[in-house]
Amino acid sequence: MRKLKLYLDTSTISHLFADDTPDKMRDTNLLWADLAKDNYEIFISPTATEEIEDCAEPKRSKMYQRLGEIPFQLLEKTNEVSQLAREYINHGVLKEKNLDDCMHIAFAVVYYCDVNVTWNFKHLVNYKTINKVKIVNAINQYREISIITPTMLLEEVDENE
């Protein structure tokens, strides 16, 4: 059986240390433990690494350390990725100031990921964005992408077991 291909955006990696949102931090760490088992194909982009570089120490080093715990592939930025991100902006998926968010989606789509995993509710995990991405992808002959939170990948645990 083929492994699910996951694209992790920066918000997912960052929430490994999100003390201010303990539920999200817990779910991200639970997902991380599953990712370390090599059950998925995992991808991150130069956009994510650039955003990590913008983080202050010691968080930046901690994020890179945690990335070292999972088997991931760093994607290459291509003209196709940049063009698709620009299409998202041109079609009003998000605004120009949110180009990096569009880049995250474009990387996941162009590299045939099944899922874009993110905690970004404001720009990515919402009905309007997901629907507009679906339309732009169809117009440009790309397949659909699921945009979900880490929690949605977790198997439910029965506390009575």
N, C-alpha and C. Protein backbone atom coordinates (compact mmCIF):
# COMPACT_ATOMS: atom_id res chain seq x y z
N MET A 1 0.83 -1.18 0.00
CA MET A 1 0.00 0.00 0.00
C MET A 1 0.88 1.25 0.00
N ARG A 2 0.50 2.23 -0.80
CA ARG A 2 1.26 3.47 -0.93
C ARG A 2 1.15 4.31 0.33
N LYS A 3 2.27 4.89 0.74
CA LYS A 3 2.27 5.79 1.89
C LYS A 3 1.61 7.11 1.51
N LEU A 4 0.87 7.67 2.45
CA LEU A 4 0.28 8.99 2.28
C LEU A 4 1.41 10.01 2.23
N LYS A 5 1.31 10.95 1.28
CA LYS A 5 2.34 11.98 1.14
C LYS A 5 1.87 13.24 1.86
N LEU A 6 2.64 13.64 2.90
CA LEU A 6 2.30 14.78 3.73
C LEU A 6 3.25 15.94 3.49
N TYR A 7 2.69 17.12 3.30
CA TYR A 7 3.47 18.35 3.27
C TYR A 7 3.27 19.04 4.61
N LEU A 8 4.35 19.34 5.31
CA LEU A 8 4.27 20.02 6.59
C LEU A 8 4.64 21.48 6.41
N ASP A 9 3.73 22.37 6.77
CA ASP A 9 4.11 23.78 6.71
C ASP A 9 4.72 24.19 8.05
N THR A 10 5.19 25.39 8.13
CA THR A 10 5.94 25.85 9.29
C THR A 10 5.11 25.85 10.56
N SER A 11 3.82 26.13 10.44
CA SER A 11 2.99 26.18 11.65
C SER A 11 2.95 24.83 12.36
N THR A 12 3.00 23.75 11.58
CA THR A 12 2.99 22.41 12.19
C THR A 12 4.27 22.19 12.98
N ILE A 13 5.39 22.52 12.41
CA ILE A 13 6.68 22.35 13.09
C ILE A 13 6.74 23.25 14.32
N SER A 14 6.30 24.47 14.17
CA SER A 14 6.33 25.45 15.25
C SER A 14 5.49 25.03 16.45
N HIS A 15 4.38 24.35 16.19
CA HIS A 15 3.49 23.97 17.29
C HIS A 15 4.02 22.81 18.13
N LEU A 16 5.16 22.28 17.78
CA LEU A 16 5.81 21.32 18.67
C LEU A 16 6.19 21.99 19.98
N PHE A 17 6.28 23.33 19.96
CA PHE A 17 6.72 24.11 21.12
C PHE A 17 5.72 25.19 21.50
N ALA A 18 4.45 25.00 21.17
CA ALA A 18 3.43 26.03 21.39
C ALA A 18 2.81 25.90 22.78
N ASP A 19 3.56 26.33 23.78
CA ASP A 19 3.08 26.25 25.17
C ASP A 19 1.78 27.02 25.38
N ASP A 20 1.55 28.04 24.54
CA ASP A 20 0.34 28.86 24.69
C ASP A 20 -0.91 28.16 24.15
N THR A 21 -0.73 27.07 23.40
CA THR A 21 -1.85 26.27 22.89
C THR A 21 -1.56 24.80 23.18
N PRO A 22 -1.74 24.39 24.43
CA PRO A 22 -1.33 23.04 24.84
C PRO A 22 -2.01 21.90 24.08
N ASP A 23 -3.27 22.06 23.69
CA ASP A 23 -3.93 20.99 22.94
C ASP A 23 -3.30 20.80 21.57
N LYS A 24 -3.02 21.90 20.90
CA LYS A 24 -2.36 21.82 19.59
C LYS A 24 -0.94 21.26 19.73
N MET A 25 -0.24 21.69 20.77
CA MET A 25 1.12 21.20 21.00
C MET A 25 1.09 19.69 21.26
N ARG A 26 0.15 19.23 22.08
CA ARG A 26 0.03 17.80 22.36
C ARG A 26 -0.24 17.01 21.08
N ASP A 27 -1.21 17.47 20.28
CA ASP A 27 -1.56 16.75 19.06
C ASP A 27 -0.40 16.76 18.05
N THR A 28 0.32 17.87 17.98
CA THR A 28 1.46 17.93 17.07
C THR A 28 2.54 16.96 17.51
N ASN A 29 2.80 16.88 18.79
CA ASN A 29 3.80 15.93 19.29
C ASN A 29 3.36 14.49 19.11
N LEU A 30 2.06 14.21 19.25
CA LEU A 30 1.55 12.86 18.98
C LEU A 30 1.74 12.52 17.50
N LEU A 31 1.43 13.47 16.63
CA LEU A 31 1.65 13.24 15.20
C LEU A 31 3.13 13.02 14.92
N TRP A 32 3.99 13.81 15.55
CA TRP A 32 5.44 13.70 15.33
C TRP A 32 5.94 12.30 15.65
N ALA A 33 5.43 11.73 16.73
CA ALA A 33 5.82 10.36 17.10
C ALA A 33 5.41 9.38 16.01
N ASP A 34 4.26 9.62 15.40
CA ASP A 34 3.80 8.77 14.30
C ASP A 34 4.65 8.99 13.05
N LEU A 35 5.02 10.24 12.80
CA LEU A 35 5.85 10.55 11.63
C LEU A 35 7.21 9.88 11.74
N ALA A 36 7.73 9.78 12.94
CA ALA A 36 9.05 9.17 13.16
C ALA A 36 9.05 7.67 12.84
N LYS A 37 7.88 7.06 12.78
CA LYS A 37 7.77 5.63 12.47
C LYS A 37 7.86 5.35 10.98
N ASP A 38 8.02 6.38 10.17
CA ASP A 38 8.16 6.24 8.72
C ASP A 38 6.91 5.64 8.07
N ASN A 39 5.74 6.04 8.58
CA ASN A 39 4.48 5.58 8.01
C ASN A 39 4.00 6.46 6.85
N TYR A 40 4.68 7.58 6.66
CA TYR A 40 4.28 8.55 5.65
C TYR A 40 5.50 8.97 4.84
N GLU A 41 5.24 9.52 3.64
CA GLU A 41 6.27 10.28 2.93
C GLU A 41 6.07 11.72 3.36
N ILE A 42 7.13 12.35 3.85
CA ILE A 42 7.02 13.68 4.45
C ILE A 42 7.86 14.67 3.64
N PHE A 43 7.27 15.83 3.40
CA PHE A 43 7.93 16.85 2.60
C PHE A 43 7.84 18.20 3.29
N ILE A 44 8.91 18.97 3.20
CA ILE A 44 8.89 20.37 3.60
C ILE A 44 9.53 21.17 2.47
N SER A 45 9.33 22.46 2.50
CA SER A 45 9.79 23.31 1.40
C SER A 45 10.81 24.34 1.87
N PRO A 46 11.48 24.95 0.90
CA PRO A 46 12.36 26.07 1.24
C PRO A 46 11.60 27.22 1.91
N THR A 47 10.32 27.37 1.60
CA THR A 47 9.53 28.40 2.28
C THR A 47 9.48 28.12 3.78
N ALA A 48 9.29 26.85 4.13
CA ALA A 48 9.26 26.47 5.55
C ALA A 48 10.62 26.71 6.20
N THR A 49 11.69 26.32 5.54
CA THR A 49 13.01 26.50 6.16
C THR A 49 13.36 27.98 6.28
N GLU A 50 12.92 28.80 5.32
CA GLU A 50 13.15 30.24 5.42
C GLU A 50 12.39 30.82 6.62
N GLU A 51 11.16 30.34 6.83
CA GLU A 51 10.39 30.81 7.97
C GLU A 51 11.01 30.34 9.28
N ILE A 52 11.55 29.14 9.31
CA ILE A 52 12.24 28.65 10.50
C ILE A 52 13.46 29.52 10.78
N GLU A 53 14.19 29.87 9.73
CA GLU A 53 15.37 30.73 9.89
C GLU A 53 15.01 32.07 10.52
N ASP A 54 13.78 32.54 10.30
CA ASP A 54 13.34 33.81 10.87
C ASP A 54 12.99 33.71 12.35
N CYS A 55 12.90 32.49 12.88
CA CYS A 55 12.58 32.30 14.30
C CYS A 55 13.80 32.63 15.17
N ALA A 56 13.53 33.11 16.36
CA ALA A 56 14.60 33.42 17.31
C ALA A 56 15.12 32.12 17.93
N GLU A 57 16.35 32.19 18.40
CA GLU A 57 16.90 31.08 19.18
C GLU A 57 16.31 31.13 20.58
N PRO A 58 16.13 30.06 21.25
CA PRO A 58 16.55 28.71 20.89
C PRO A 58 15.51 27.94 20.07
N LYS A 59 14.35 28.59 19.80
CA LYS A 59 13.29 27.87 19.08
C LYS A 59 13.76 27.37 17.72
N ARG A 60 14.50 28.19 16.99
CA ARG A 60 14.98 27.78 15.66
C ARG A 60 15.76 26.48 15.75
N SER A 61 16.71 26.40 16.66
CA SER A 61 17.52 25.18 16.80
C SER A 61 16.67 23.99 17.23
N LYS A 62 15.71 24.23 18.11
CA LYS A 62 14.83 23.15 18.55
C LYS A 62 13.99 22.62 17.39
N MET A 63 13.53 23.52 16.53
CA MET A 63 12.73 23.09 15.38
C MET A 63 13.56 22.22 14.44
N TYR A 64 14.79 22.64 14.18
CA TYR A 64 15.66 21.83 13.32
C TYR A 64 15.99 20.49 13.98
N GLN A 65 16.18 20.50 15.30
CA GLN A 65 16.46 19.25 16.01
C GLN A 65 15.29 18.28 15.85
N ARG A 66 14.07 18.79 16.01
CA ARG A 66 12.90 17.92 15.89
C ARG A 66 12.71 17.45 14.44
N LEU A 67 13.05 18.28 13.48
CA LEU A 67 12.98 17.84 12.08
C LEU A 67 13.93 16.67 11.84
N GLY A 68 15.05 16.66 12.55
CA GLY A 68 16.01 15.57 12.42
C GLY A 68 15.48 14.23 12.92
N GLU A 69 14.34 14.25 13.62
CA GLU A 69 13.75 13.02 14.15
C GLU A 69 12.86 12.31 13.14
N ILE A 70 12.52 12.99 12.06
CA ILE A 70 11.60 12.40 11.08
C ILE A 70 12.26 12.31 9.71
N PRO A 71 11.86 11.31 8.92
CA PRO A 71 12.42 11.18 7.57
C PRO A 71 11.65 12.08 6.60
N PHE A 72 12.24 13.20 6.23
CA PHE A 72 11.55 14.11 5.31
C PHE A 72 12.43 14.42 4.11
N GLN A 73 11.77 14.89 3.06
CA GLN A 73 12.49 15.36 1.88
C GLN A 73 12.28 16.86 1.76
N LEU A 74 13.36 17.57 1.47
CA LEU A 74 13.28 19.01 1.23
C LEU A 74 13.02 19.21 -0.25
N LEU A 75 11.92 19.86 -0.57
CA LEU A 75 11.54 20.07 -1.96
C LEU A 75 12.35 21.19 -2.58
N GLU A 76 12.37 21.20 -3.88
CA GLU A 76 13.09 22.24 -4.62
C GLU A 76 12.09 23.27 -5.13
N LYS A 77 12.43 24.54 -4.97
CA LYS A 77 11.57 25.60 -5.50
C LYS A 77 11.74 25.65 -7.01
N THR A 78 10.62 25.60 -7.70
CA THR A 78 10.63 25.61 -9.17
C THR A 78 9.77 26.76 -9.68
N ASN A 79 9.92 27.06 -10.96
CA ASN A 79 9.05 28.07 -11.58
C ASN A 79 7.59 27.65 -11.51
N GLU A 80 7.34 26.34 -11.65
CA GLU A 80 5.97 25.84 -11.60
C GLU A 80 5.34 26.14 -10.24
N VAL A 81 6.08 25.93 -9.17
CA VAL A 81 5.56 26.22 -7.82
C VAL A 81 5.25 27.71 -7.71
N SER A 82 6.20 28.55 -8.12
CA SER A 82 6.00 30.00 -8.03
C SER A 82 4.81 30.46 -8.87
N GLN A 83 4.67 29.89 -10.06
CA GLN A 83 3.55 30.27 -10.93
C GLN A 83 2.21 29.87 -10.34
N LEU A 84 2.14 28.68 -9.75
CA LEU A 84 0.88 28.25 -9.15
C LEU A 84 0.54 29.13 -7.94
N ALA A 85 1.53 29.46 -7.13
CA ALA A 85 1.28 30.35 -6.00
C ALA A 85 0.75 31.70 -6.49
N ARG A 86 1.31 32.18 -7.57
CA ARG A 86 0.86 33.45 -8.17
C ARG A 86 -0.58 33.31 -8.68
N GLU A 87 -0.94 32.16 -9.23
CA GLU A 87 -2.32 31.91 -9.67
C GLU A 87 -3.28 32.00 -8.50
N TYR A 88 -2.87 31.45 -7.35
CA TYR A 88 -3.72 31.55 -6.16
C TYR A 88 -3.97 33.01 -5.79
N ILE A 89 -2.93 33.82 -5.85
CA ILE A 89 -3.08 35.26 -5.55
C ILE A 89 -3.97 35.92 -6.60
N ASN A 90 -3.70 35.64 -7.87
CA ASN A 90 -4.47 36.27 -8.96
C ASN A 90 -5.95 35.93 -8.90
N HIS A 91 -6.30 34.74 -8.39
CA HIS A 91 -7.69 34.33 -8.31
C HIS A 91 -8.32 34.62 -6.94
N GLY A 92 -7.61 35.36 -6.11
CA GLY A 92 -8.18 35.80 -4.84
C GLY A 92 -8.27 34.74 -3.76
N VAL A 93 -7.46 33.68 -3.88
CA VAL A 93 -7.45 32.70 -2.80
C VAL A 93 -6.98 33.39 -1.52
N LEU A 94 -5.88 34.11 -1.62
CA LEU A 94 -5.35 34.93 -0.53
C LEU A 94 -4.79 36.21 -1.13
N LYS A 95 -4.38 37.11 -0.27
CA LYS A 95 -3.83 38.39 -0.73
C LYS A 95 -2.33 38.29 -0.94
N GLU A 96 -1.80 39.27 -1.63
CA GLU A 96 -0.36 39.33 -1.94
C GLU A 96 0.50 39.16 -0.69
N LYS A 97 0.08 39.77 0.41
CA LYS A 97 0.87 39.68 1.64
C LYS A 97 0.93 38.26 2.19
N ASN A 98 0.08 37.37 1.67
CA ASN A 98 0.05 35.97 2.11
C ASN A 98 0.67 35.04 1.07
N LEU A 99 1.59 35.57 0.29
CA LEU A 99 2.21 34.77 -0.76
C LEU A 99 2.88 33.51 -0.20
N ASP A 100 3.52 33.61 0.96
CA ASP A 100 4.16 32.42 1.53
C ASP A 100 3.15 31.31 1.81
N ASP A 101 1.96 31.67 2.26
CA ASP A 101 0.92 30.65 2.48
C ASP A 101 0.53 29.99 1.16
N CYS A 102 0.45 30.80 0.10
CA CYS A 102 0.17 30.24 -1.22
C CYS A 102 1.32 29.36 -1.71
N MET A 103 2.53 29.72 -1.35
CA MET A 103 3.68 28.89 -1.71
C MET A 103 3.58 27.52 -1.03
N HIS A 104 3.18 27.50 0.23
CA HIS A 104 3.02 26.22 0.93
C HIS A 104 2.03 25.32 0.18
N ILE A 105 0.90 25.89 -0.21
CA ILE A 105 -0.10 25.10 -0.94
C ILE A 105 0.48 24.64 -2.28
N ALA A 106 1.12 25.55 -2.98
CA ALA A 106 1.65 25.24 -4.31
C ALA A 106 2.71 24.13 -4.24
N PHE A 107 3.60 24.19 -3.26
CA PHE A 107 4.58 23.11 -3.11
C PHE A 107 3.87 21.77 -2.96
N ALA A 108 2.88 21.73 -2.08
CA ALA A 108 2.17 20.47 -1.83
C ALA A 108 1.48 19.96 -3.09
N VAL A 109 0.89 20.86 -3.85
CA VAL A 109 0.15 20.47 -5.06
C VAL A 109 1.10 20.02 -6.17
N VAL A 110 2.11 20.83 -6.45
CA VAL A 110 3.02 20.54 -7.56
C VAL A 110 3.78 19.23 -7.32
N TYR A 111 4.10 18.95 -6.06
CA TYR A 111 4.84 17.73 -5.74
C TYR A 111 3.92 16.56 -5.37
N TYR A 112 2.66 16.66 -5.75
CA TYR A 112 1.70 15.55 -5.63
C TYR A 112 1.51 15.03 -4.20
N CYS A 113 1.57 15.93 -3.24
CA CYS A 113 1.27 15.51 -1.88
C CYS A 113 -0.23 15.29 -1.76
N ASP A 114 -0.60 14.40 -0.88
CA ASP A 114 -2.02 14.13 -0.64
C ASP A 114 -2.62 15.14 0.32
N VAL A 115 -1.78 15.59 1.27
CA VAL A 115 -2.27 16.42 2.37
C VAL A 115 -1.28 17.53 2.69
N ASN A 116 -1.82 18.73 2.91
CA ASN A 116 -1.05 19.85 3.44
C ASN A 116 -1.44 19.94 4.92
N VAL A 117 -0.50 19.67 5.81
CA VAL A 117 -0.77 19.64 7.25
C VAL A 117 -0.38 21.00 7.84
N THR A 118 -1.34 21.66 8.48
CA THR A 118 -1.12 23.02 8.96
C THR A 118 -2.01 23.34 10.15
N TRP A 119 -1.55 24.28 10.95
CA TRP A 119 -2.38 24.86 12.02
C TRP A 119 -2.87 26.25 11.62
N ASN A 120 -2.67 26.65 10.40
CA ASN A 120 -3.01 27.99 9.96
C ASN A 120 -4.50 28.08 9.61
N PHE A 121 -5.32 28.30 10.63
CA PHE A 121 -6.76 28.40 10.42
C PHE A 121 -7.14 29.70 9.70
N LYS A 122 -6.42 30.76 9.99
CA LYS A 122 -6.77 32.07 9.42
C LYS A 122 -6.69 32.06 7.89
N HIS A 123 -5.65 31.44 7.34
CA HIS A 123 -5.46 31.50 5.90
C HIS A 123 -5.65 30.19 5.16
N LEU A 124 -5.45 29.06 5.81
CA LEU A 124 -5.45 27.80 5.06
C LEU A 124 -6.57 26.83 5.43
N VAL A 125 -6.74 26.53 6.69
CA VAL A 125 -7.75 25.54 7.09
C VAL A 125 -9.08 26.26 7.29
N ASN A 126 -9.66 26.69 6.19
CA ASN A 126 -11.00 27.27 6.25
C ASN A 126 -11.70 27.03 4.91
N TYR A 127 -13.00 27.02 4.96
CA TYR A 127 -13.80 26.62 3.80
C TYR A 127 -13.49 27.47 2.56
N LYS A 128 -13.44 28.79 2.71
CA LYS A 128 -13.24 29.66 1.55
C LYS A 128 -11.92 29.37 0.85
N THR A 129 -10.85 29.26 1.63
CA THR A 129 -9.54 28.99 1.02
C THR A 129 -9.54 27.62 0.36
N ILE A 130 -10.01 26.61 1.06
CA ILE A 130 -10.01 25.25 0.51
C ILE A 130 -10.82 25.19 -0.79
N ASN A 131 -11.97 25.83 -0.81
CA ASN A 131 -12.81 25.82 -2.00
C ASN A 131 -12.15 26.57 -3.16
N LYS A 132 -11.56 27.73 -2.88
CA LYS A 132 -10.90 28.50 -3.93
C LYS A 132 -9.68 27.75 -4.47
N VAL A 133 -8.93 27.10 -3.60
CA VAL A 133 -7.78 26.30 -4.06
C VAL A 133 -8.26 25.19 -4.99
N LYS A 134 -9.36 24.56 -4.63
CA LYS A 134 -9.92 23.49 -5.45
C LYS A 134 -10.26 24.02 -6.85
N ILE A 135 -10.85 25.20 -6.91
CA ILE A 135 -11.23 25.80 -8.20
C ILE A 135 -9.99 26.15 -9.02
N VAL A 136 -9.03 26.82 -8.40
CA VAL A 136 -7.80 27.21 -9.13
C VAL A 136 -7.05 25.97 -9.60
N ASN A 137 -6.99 24.95 -8.77
CA ASN A 137 -6.32 23.71 -9.19
C ASN A 137 -7.03 23.09 -10.39
N ALA A 138 -8.35 23.09 -10.39
CA ALA A 138 -9.10 22.52 -11.52
C ALA A 138 -8.86 23.34 -12.79
N ILE A 139 -8.89 24.66 -12.68
CA ILE A 139 -8.65 25.53 -13.83
C ILE A 139 -7.27 25.25 -14.44
N ASN A 140 -6.29 25.02 -13.57
CA ASN A 140 -4.91 24.82 -14.01
C ASN A 140 -4.53 23.35 -14.15
N GLN A 141 -5.52 22.49 -14.11
CA GLN A 141 -5.36 21.05 -14.32
C GLN A 141 -4.42 20.38 -13.30
N TYR A 142 -4.58 20.79 -12.06
CA TYR A 142 -3.90 20.12 -10.95
C TYR A 142 -4.94 19.35 -10.16
N ARG A 143 -4.49 18.34 -9.46
CA ARG A 143 -5.41 17.56 -8.64
C ARG A 143 -5.71 18.30 -7.34
N GLU A 144 -6.73 17.82 -6.65
CA GLU A 144 -7.11 18.42 -5.38
C GLU A 144 -6.08 18.08 -4.30
N ILE A 145 -6.04 18.93 -3.29
CA ILE A 145 -5.19 18.70 -2.12
C ILE A 145 -6.07 18.84 -0.88
N SER A 146 -5.85 17.99 0.09
CA SER A 146 -6.54 18.14 1.37
C SER A 146 -5.69 19.06 2.25
N ILE A 147 -6.34 20.01 2.89
CA ILE A 147 -5.67 20.92 3.81
C ILE A 147 -6.29 20.66 5.17
N ILE A 148 -5.48 20.08 6.08
CA ILE A 148 -6.01 19.63 7.35
C ILE A 148 -5.05 19.95 8.50
N THR A 149 -5.56 19.81 9.71
CA THR A 149 -4.73 20.01 10.90
C THR A 149 -4.05 18.70 11.29
N PRO A 150 -3.00 18.77 12.10
CA PRO A 150 -2.38 17.54 12.60
C PRO A 150 -3.35 16.63 13.34
N THR A 151 -4.28 17.22 14.08
CA THR A 151 -5.26 16.43 14.82
C THR A 151 -6.03 15.48 13.91
N MET A 152 -6.30 15.92 12.71
CA MET A 152 -7.10 15.12 11.78
C MET A 152 -6.36 13.86 11.29
N LEU A 153 -5.06 13.80 11.51
CA LEU A 153 -4.28 12.61 11.13
C LEU A 153 -4.13 11.62 12.27
N LEU A 154 -4.50 12.02 13.46
CA LEU A 154 -4.34 11.15 14.62
C LEU A 154 -5.44 10.11 14.68
N GLU A 155 -5.08 8.91 15.06
CA GLU A 155 -6.09 7.89 15.29
C GLU A 155 -6.67 8.13 16.66
N GLU A 156 -7.98 7.98 16.74
CA GLU A 156 -8.64 8.19 18.03
C GLU A 156 -8.26 7.06 18.98
N VAL A 157 -7.96 7.44 20.19
CA VAL A 157 -7.59 6.47 21.20
C VAL A 157 -8.78 6.28 22.14
N ASP A 158 -9.17 5.04 22.34
CA ASP A 158 -10.25 4.74 23.27
C ASP A 158 -9.66 4.71 24.69
N GLU A 159 -10.07 5.66 25.51
CA GLU A 159 -9.51 5.80 26.85
C GLU A 159 -9.91 4.65 27.77
N ASN A 160 -10.91 3.84 27.37
CA ASN A 160 -11.35 2.70 28.20
C ASN A 160 -10.55 1.44 27.94
N GLU A 161 -9.68 1.47 26.95
CA GLU A 161 -8.87 0.28 26.63
C GLU A 161 -7.70 0.14 27.55
